[in-house]
Amino acid sequence: MVFAAGCFNRVHEAHLQMLRAARGLGDELVVVLAHDSHNRKPNAVSAARRKKILEDLGVADRVLVGRPDSFARSLRRVRPKVLVLGYDQRLPDDETRRAVEELGVQVVQLPWYPGKERTISPRA
């Protein structure tokens, strides 16, 4: 199982390319969306709306909303074999680093993909 996470406020072609590449790393792709309490971007879209958009795109086997308390808890709940990070993502904290080590999760940093200018989903 492959785990990918992010806000996904405005899904664009680069996101889709990254998620397809992530899907190719395993048998199942689970996308965990940032909980509304962690999504403080100016263009923030509600978790329920972001979840529906990603589900409708059919790029993941499951789309979940992350826990409000910690990324590591979401990781422990899903228990993936692989955690993919986008080119600009990092493990958010020491608790997550410990969870990755404890669970034996392989961390894969994916490259930059073009297509940020081609929005797939409305900004809502």
N, C-alpha and C. Protein backbone atom coordinates (compact mmCIF):
# COMPACT_ATOMS: atom_id res chain seq x y z
N MET A 1 0.83 -1.17 0.00
CA MET A 1 0.00 0.00 0.00
C MET A 1 0.88 1.24 0.00
N VAL A 2 0.48 2.21 -0.80
CA VAL A 2 1.20 3.47 -0.94
C VAL A 2 0.35 4.58 -0.32
N PHE A 3 0.99 5.44 0.42
CA PHE A 3 0.34 6.53 1.15
C PHE A 3 0.85 7.84 0.57
N ALA A 4 -0.07 8.70 0.14
CA ALA A 4 0.28 10.05 -0.31
C ALA A 4 -0.58 11.02 0.47
N ALA A 5 -0.04 12.19 0.76
CA ALA A 5 -0.80 13.15 1.57
C ALA A 5 -0.57 14.56 1.04
N GLY A 6 -1.52 15.41 1.32
CA GLY A 6 -1.40 16.81 0.94
C GLY A 6 -2.71 17.54 1.16
N CYS A 7 -2.70 18.82 0.82
CA CYS A 7 -3.91 19.63 0.95
C CYS A 7 -4.83 19.43 -0.25
N PHE A 8 -4.28 19.51 -1.46
CA PHE A 8 -5.05 19.35 -2.69
C PHE A 8 -6.22 20.32 -2.76
N ASN A 9 -5.94 21.60 -2.48
CA ASN A 9 -6.98 22.62 -2.57
C ASN A 9 -7.41 22.88 -4.01
N ARG A 10 -6.45 22.83 -4.88
CA ARG A 10 -6.70 23.03 -6.31
C ARG A 10 -5.96 21.92 -7.03
N VAL A 11 -6.67 20.88 -7.42
CA VAL A 11 -6.02 19.75 -8.08
C VAL A 11 -5.68 20.14 -9.51
N HIS A 12 -4.42 19.91 -9.87
CA HIS A 12 -3.96 20.25 -11.22
C HIS A 12 -3.27 19.03 -11.84
N GLU A 13 -2.91 19.16 -13.09
CA GLU A 13 -2.32 18.05 -13.84
C GLU A 13 -1.06 17.50 -13.17
N ALA A 14 -0.25 18.37 -12.57
CA ALA A 14 0.96 17.89 -11.89
C ALA A 14 0.60 16.97 -10.72
N HIS A 15 -0.47 17.31 -9.98
CA HIS A 15 -0.93 16.41 -8.91
C HIS A 15 -1.30 15.05 -9.48
N LEU A 16 -2.04 15.05 -10.57
CA LEU A 16 -2.48 13.78 -11.15
C LEU A 16 -1.29 12.94 -11.60
N GLN A 17 -0.29 13.57 -12.20
CA GLN A 17 0.89 12.83 -12.62
C GLN A 17 1.62 12.24 -11.41
N MET A 18 1.72 13.02 -10.34
CA MET A 18 2.38 12.55 -9.13
C MET A 18 1.60 11.39 -8.51
N LEU A 19 0.28 11.50 -8.46
CA LEU A 19 -0.52 10.44 -7.87
C LEU A 19 -0.49 9.17 -8.73
N ARG A 20 -0.45 9.33 -10.04
CA ARG A 20 -0.32 8.14 -10.91
C ARG A 20 1.02 7.45 -10.70
N ALA A 21 2.07 8.25 -10.54
CA ALA A 21 3.40 7.67 -10.28
C ALA A 21 3.39 6.96 -8.92
N ALA A 22 2.75 7.56 -7.94
CA ALA A 22 2.65 6.94 -6.61
C ALA A 22 1.89 5.62 -6.71
N ARG A 23 0.82 5.61 -7.46
CA ARG A 23 0.00 4.39 -7.63
C ARG A 23 0.83 3.27 -8.24
N GLY A 24 1.77 3.62 -9.09
CA GLY A 24 2.63 2.63 -9.73
C GLY A 24 3.63 1.98 -8.79
N LEU A 25 3.75 2.50 -7.56
CA LEU A 25 4.71 1.96 -6.60
C LEU A 25 4.13 0.85 -5.72
N GLY A 26 2.84 0.54 -5.93
CA GLY A 26 2.22 -0.49 -5.10
C GLY A 26 0.92 -0.98 -5.68
N ASP A 27 0.21 -1.77 -4.90
CA ASP A 27 -1.07 -2.34 -5.33
C ASP A 27 -2.25 -1.46 -4.99
N GLU A 28 -2.08 -0.56 -4.04
CA GLU A 28 -3.17 0.27 -3.58
C GLU A 28 -2.63 1.65 -3.24
N LEU A 29 -3.37 2.69 -3.63
CA LEU A 29 -2.99 4.06 -3.29
C LEU A 29 -4.04 4.65 -2.37
N VAL A 30 -3.58 5.10 -1.21
CA VAL A 30 -4.43 5.80 -0.26
C VAL A 30 -3.94 7.25 -0.19
N VAL A 31 -4.84 8.18 -0.47
CA VAL A 31 -4.51 9.60 -0.37
C VAL A 31 -5.15 10.13 0.90
N VAL A 32 -4.32 10.75 1.73
CA VAL A 32 -4.80 11.33 2.98
C VAL A 32 -4.72 12.84 2.85
N LEU A 33 -5.88 13.47 2.96
CA LEU A 33 -5.97 14.92 2.83
C LEU A 33 -5.70 15.60 4.16
N ALA A 34 -5.06 16.74 4.11
CA ALA A 34 -4.83 17.51 5.33
C ALA A 34 -6.17 17.87 5.96
N HIS A 35 -6.26 17.67 7.25
CA HIS A 35 -7.45 18.04 8.01
C HIS A 35 -7.65 19.56 7.90
N ASP A 36 -8.89 19.99 7.97
CA ASP A 36 -9.18 21.43 7.85
C ASP A 36 -8.38 22.27 8.86
N SER A 37 -8.11 21.74 10.03
CA SER A 37 -7.37 22.50 11.04
C SER A 37 -5.90 22.72 10.63
N HIS A 38 -5.40 21.95 9.66
CA HIS A 38 -4.02 22.09 9.18
C HIS A 38 -3.95 22.75 7.81
N ASN A 39 -5.08 22.99 7.19
CA ASN A 39 -5.13 23.55 5.85
C ASN A 39 -5.40 25.05 5.96
N ARG A 40 -4.34 25.80 6.19
CA ARG A 40 -4.47 27.23 6.46
C ARG A 40 -4.07 28.09 5.27
N LYS A 41 -4.10 27.53 4.10
CA LYS A 41 -3.71 28.28 2.90
C LYS A 41 -4.81 29.29 2.55
N PRO A 42 -4.45 30.38 1.89
CA PRO A 42 -5.46 31.38 1.53
C PRO A 42 -6.57 30.82 0.63
N ASN A 43 -6.24 29.83 -0.17
CA ASN A 43 -7.22 29.24 -1.10
C ASN A 43 -7.83 27.96 -0.53
N ALA A 44 -7.86 27.82 0.80
CA ALA A 44 -8.31 26.58 1.44
C ALA A 44 -9.73 26.20 1.03
N VAL A 45 -9.88 24.91 0.75
CA VAL A 45 -11.16 24.30 0.39
C VAL A 45 -11.47 23.28 1.49
N SER A 46 -12.71 23.13 1.84
CA SER A 46 -13.07 22.21 2.93
C SER A 46 -12.62 20.78 2.60
N ALA A 47 -12.33 20.03 3.65
CA ALA A 47 -11.89 18.65 3.49
C ALA A 47 -12.95 17.82 2.77
N ALA A 48 -14.20 18.05 3.10
CA ALA A 48 -15.27 17.28 2.45
C ALA A 48 -15.29 17.53 0.95
N ARG A 49 -15.10 18.76 0.55
CA ARG A 49 -15.09 19.10 -0.89
C ARG A 49 -13.85 18.51 -1.58
N ARG A 50 -12.68 18.64 -0.93
CA ARG A 50 -11.46 18.09 -1.51
C ARG A 50 -11.55 16.58 -1.66
N LYS A 51 -12.13 15.94 -0.66
CA LYS A 51 -12.29 14.48 -0.69
C LYS A 51 -13.17 14.06 -1.86
N LYS A 52 -14.28 14.75 -2.05
CA LYS A 52 -15.18 14.43 -3.16
C LYS A 52 -14.51 14.62 -4.51
N ILE A 53 -13.76 15.70 -4.66
CA ILE A 53 -13.07 15.97 -5.92
C ILE A 53 -12.10 14.84 -6.25
N LEU A 54 -11.28 14.44 -5.27
CA LEU A 54 -10.31 13.38 -5.53
C LEU A 54 -10.99 12.04 -5.77
N GLU A 55 -12.04 11.76 -5.04
CA GLU A 55 -12.78 10.51 -5.28
C GLU A 55 -13.37 10.50 -6.68
N ASP A 56 -13.92 11.62 -7.10
CA ASP A 56 -14.52 11.70 -8.44
C ASP A 56 -13.49 11.53 -9.54
N LEU A 57 -12.25 11.94 -9.29
CA LEU A 57 -11.18 11.78 -10.29
C LEU A 57 -10.73 10.33 -10.41
N GLY A 58 -10.99 9.52 -9.41
CA GLY A 58 -10.68 8.09 -9.47
C GLY A 58 -9.21 7.74 -9.51
N VAL A 59 -8.35 8.61 -9.04
CA VAL A 59 -6.91 8.37 -9.12
C VAL A 59 -6.41 7.53 -7.93
N ALA A 60 -7.19 7.48 -6.84
CA ALA A 60 -6.78 6.73 -5.65
C ALA A 60 -7.78 5.64 -5.34
N ASP A 61 -7.30 4.60 -4.67
CA ASP A 61 -8.20 3.54 -4.23
C ASP A 61 -9.05 3.99 -3.05
N ARG A 62 -8.44 4.80 -2.18
CA ARG A 62 -9.16 5.37 -1.04
C ARG A 62 -8.68 6.79 -0.81
N VAL A 63 -9.62 7.65 -0.42
CA VAL A 63 -9.29 9.03 -0.05
C VAL A 63 -9.82 9.22 1.37
N LEU A 64 -8.93 9.61 2.27
CA LEU A 64 -9.29 9.82 3.67
C LEU A 64 -8.92 11.24 4.08
N VAL A 65 -9.59 11.72 5.12
CA VAL A 65 -9.21 13.00 5.71
C VAL A 65 -8.30 12.67 6.89
N GLY A 66 -7.17 13.37 6.94
CA GLY A 66 -6.20 13.12 8.00
C GLY A 66 -6.72 13.49 9.37
N ARG A 67 -5.99 13.05 10.35
CA ARG A 67 -6.37 13.32 11.74
C ARG A 67 -6.03 14.76 12.09
N PRO A 68 -6.84 15.37 12.94
CA PRO A 68 -6.56 16.76 13.31
C PRO A 68 -5.37 16.89 14.26
N ASP A 69 -4.99 15.79 14.91
CA ASP A 69 -3.95 15.88 15.93
C ASP A 69 -2.54 15.63 15.43
N SER A 70 -2.36 14.74 14.43
CA SER A 70 -0.99 14.54 13.96
C SER A 70 -0.94 13.71 12.67
N PHE A 71 0.06 14.02 11.86
CA PHE A 71 0.32 13.28 10.63
C PHE A 71 0.73 11.84 10.97
N ALA A 72 1.53 11.70 12.01
CA ALA A 72 2.01 10.38 12.41
C ALA A 72 0.86 9.45 12.76
N ARG A 73 -0.17 9.97 13.39
CA ARG A 73 -1.32 9.13 13.74
C ARG A 73 -2.04 8.65 12.48
N SER A 74 -2.13 9.51 11.49
CA SER A 74 -2.74 9.08 10.22
C SER A 74 -1.90 7.97 9.60
N LEU A 75 -0.59 8.14 9.64
CA LEU A 75 0.33 7.13 9.10
C LEU A 75 0.17 5.80 9.85
N ARG A 76 0.09 5.87 11.14
CA ARG A 76 -0.08 4.64 11.94
C ARG A 76 -1.43 3.99 11.69
N ARG A 77 -2.46 4.79 11.45
CA ARG A 77 -3.79 4.25 11.19
C ARG A 77 -3.81 3.50 9.87
N VAL A 78 -3.18 4.04 8.83
CA VAL A 78 -3.20 3.45 7.50
C VAL A 78 -2.17 2.31 7.38
N ARG A 79 -1.01 2.46 8.01
CA ARG A 79 0.06 1.45 8.00
C ARG A 79 0.53 1.07 6.58
N PRO A 80 0.96 2.06 5.80
CA PRO A 80 1.42 1.77 4.44
C PRO A 80 2.80 1.13 4.43
N LYS A 81 3.15 0.61 3.28
CA LYS A 81 4.51 0.11 3.05
C LYS A 81 5.39 1.22 2.47
N VAL A 82 4.74 2.15 1.73
CA VAL A 82 5.46 3.23 1.05
C VAL A 82 4.77 4.56 1.35
N LEU A 83 5.55 5.56 1.67
CA LEU A 83 5.06 6.94 1.83
C LEU A 83 5.69 7.76 0.72
N VAL A 84 4.87 8.33 -0.14
CA VAL A 84 5.42 9.18 -1.19
C VAL A 84 5.32 10.63 -0.78
N LEU A 85 6.37 11.36 -1.10
CA LEU A 85 6.40 12.79 -0.87
C LEU A 85 6.59 13.47 -2.22
N GLY A 86 5.88 14.58 -2.39
CA GLY A 86 6.09 15.39 -3.59
C GLY A 86 7.47 16.03 -3.53
N TYR A 87 7.89 16.59 -4.64
CA TYR A 87 9.24 17.16 -4.72
C TYR A 87 9.48 18.24 -3.66
N ASP A 88 8.42 18.89 -3.19
CA ASP A 88 8.56 19.98 -2.23
C ASP A 88 8.07 19.61 -0.83
N GLN A 89 7.83 18.34 -0.58
CA GLN A 89 7.35 17.90 0.72
C GLN A 89 8.47 17.30 1.55
N ARG A 90 8.33 17.39 2.86
CA ARG A 90 9.27 16.80 3.82
C ARG A 90 8.44 16.13 4.91
N LEU A 91 9.05 15.21 5.65
CA LEU A 91 8.38 14.68 6.83
C LEU A 91 8.14 15.84 7.78
N PRO A 92 6.93 15.98 8.29
CA PRO A 92 6.59 17.20 9.03
C PRO A 92 7.21 17.35 10.41
N ASP A 93 7.58 16.24 11.07
CA ASP A 93 8.06 16.38 12.44
C ASP A 93 8.76 15.09 12.90
N ASP A 94 9.33 15.16 14.10
CA ASP A 94 10.05 14.01 14.66
C ASP A 94 9.12 12.84 14.95
N GLU A 95 7.90 13.11 15.36
CA GLU A 95 6.94 12.04 15.62
C GLU A 95 6.69 11.22 14.34
N THR A 96 6.59 11.90 13.22
CA THR A 96 6.38 11.21 11.94
C THR A 96 7.61 10.42 11.56
N ARG A 97 8.80 10.98 11.77
CA ARG A 97 10.04 10.24 11.49
C ARG A 97 10.08 8.94 12.30
N ARG A 98 9.70 9.03 13.58
CA ARG A 98 9.67 7.84 14.43
C ARG A 98 8.65 6.83 13.92
N ALA A 99 7.48 7.29 13.50
CA ALA A 99 6.44 6.39 12.98
C ALA A 99 6.93 5.68 11.72
N VAL A 100 7.60 6.41 10.84
CA VAL A 100 8.16 5.82 9.62
C VAL A 100 9.14 4.71 9.98
N GLU A 101 10.01 4.98 10.93
CA GLU A 101 11.00 3.98 11.35
C GLU A 101 10.32 2.78 12.02
N GLU A 102 9.40 3.04 12.93
CA GLU A 102 8.73 1.96 13.66
C GLU A 102 7.95 1.03 12.73
N LEU A 103 7.29 1.62 11.74
CA LEU A 103 6.47 0.85 10.81
C LEU A 103 7.27 0.26 9.66
N GLY A 104 8.52 0.69 9.51
CA GLY A 104 9.35 0.21 8.39
C GLY A 104 8.86 0.72 7.05
N VAL A 105 8.36 1.95 7.03
CA VAL A 105 7.82 2.55 5.82
C VAL A 105 8.95 3.07 4.94
N GLN A 106 8.90 2.72 3.66
CA GLN A 106 9.86 3.24 2.69
C GLN A 106 9.37 4.63 2.27
N VAL A 107 10.22 5.63 2.35
CA VAL A 107 9.87 6.98 1.94
C VAL A 107 10.46 7.23 0.56
N VAL A 108 9.59 7.62 -0.38
CA VAL A 108 10.02 7.88 -1.76
C VAL A 108 9.68 9.33 -2.09
N GLN A 109 10.69 10.10 -2.47
CA GLN A 109 10.48 11.49 -2.89
C GLN A 109 10.32 11.48 -4.41
N LEU A 110 9.14 11.91 -4.86
CA LEU A 110 8.88 11.94 -6.30
C LEU A 110 9.39 13.24 -6.89
N PRO A 111 9.70 13.25 -8.18
CA PRO A 111 10.23 14.45 -8.82
C PRO A 111 9.12 15.49 -9.08
N TRP A 112 9.54 16.63 -9.52
CA TRP A 112 8.63 17.69 -9.96
C TRP A 112 7.96 17.24 -11.25
N TYR A 113 6.68 17.52 -11.38
CA TYR A 113 5.94 17.23 -12.62
C TYR A 113 5.37 18.53 -13.15
N PRO A 114 5.39 18.72 -14.47
CA PRO A 114 4.79 19.93 -15.04
C PRO A 114 3.27 19.84 -15.00
N GLY A 115 2.62 20.98 -15.07
CA GLY A 115 1.17 20.99 -15.19
C GLY A 115 0.43 21.75 -14.11
N LYS A 116 1.15 22.54 -13.30
CA LYS A 116 0.47 23.29 -12.25
C LYS A 116 -0.50 24.32 -12.82
N GLU A 117 -0.25 24.73 -14.03
CA GLU A 117 -1.11 25.76 -14.63
C GLU A 117 -2.42 25.19 -15.17
N ARG A 118 -2.53 23.87 -15.25
CA ARG A 118 -3.75 23.23 -15.78
C ARG A 118 -4.59 22.66 -14.65
N THR A 119 -5.46 23.47 -14.10
CA THR A 119 -6.32 23.06 -13.00
C THR A 119 -7.32 22.03 -13.48
N ILE A 120 -7.47 20.98 -12.70
CA ILE A 120 -8.42 19.92 -12.98
C ILE A 120 -9.71 20.16 -12.20
N SER A 121 -9.58 20.64 -10.97
CA SER A 121 -10.75 20.85 -10.12
C SER A 121 -11.00 22.32 -9.89
N PRO A 122 -12.25 22.68 -9.67
CA PRO A 122 -12.56 24.07 -9.34
C PRO A 122 -12.00 24.42 -7.97
N ARG A 123 -11.77 25.67 -7.73
CA ARG A 123 -11.23 26.11 -6.45
C ARG A 123 -12.31 26.13 -5.38
N ALA A 124 -13.54 25.99 -5.73
CA ALA A 124 -14.68 25.91 -4.80
C ALA A 124 -14.77 27.10 -3.89
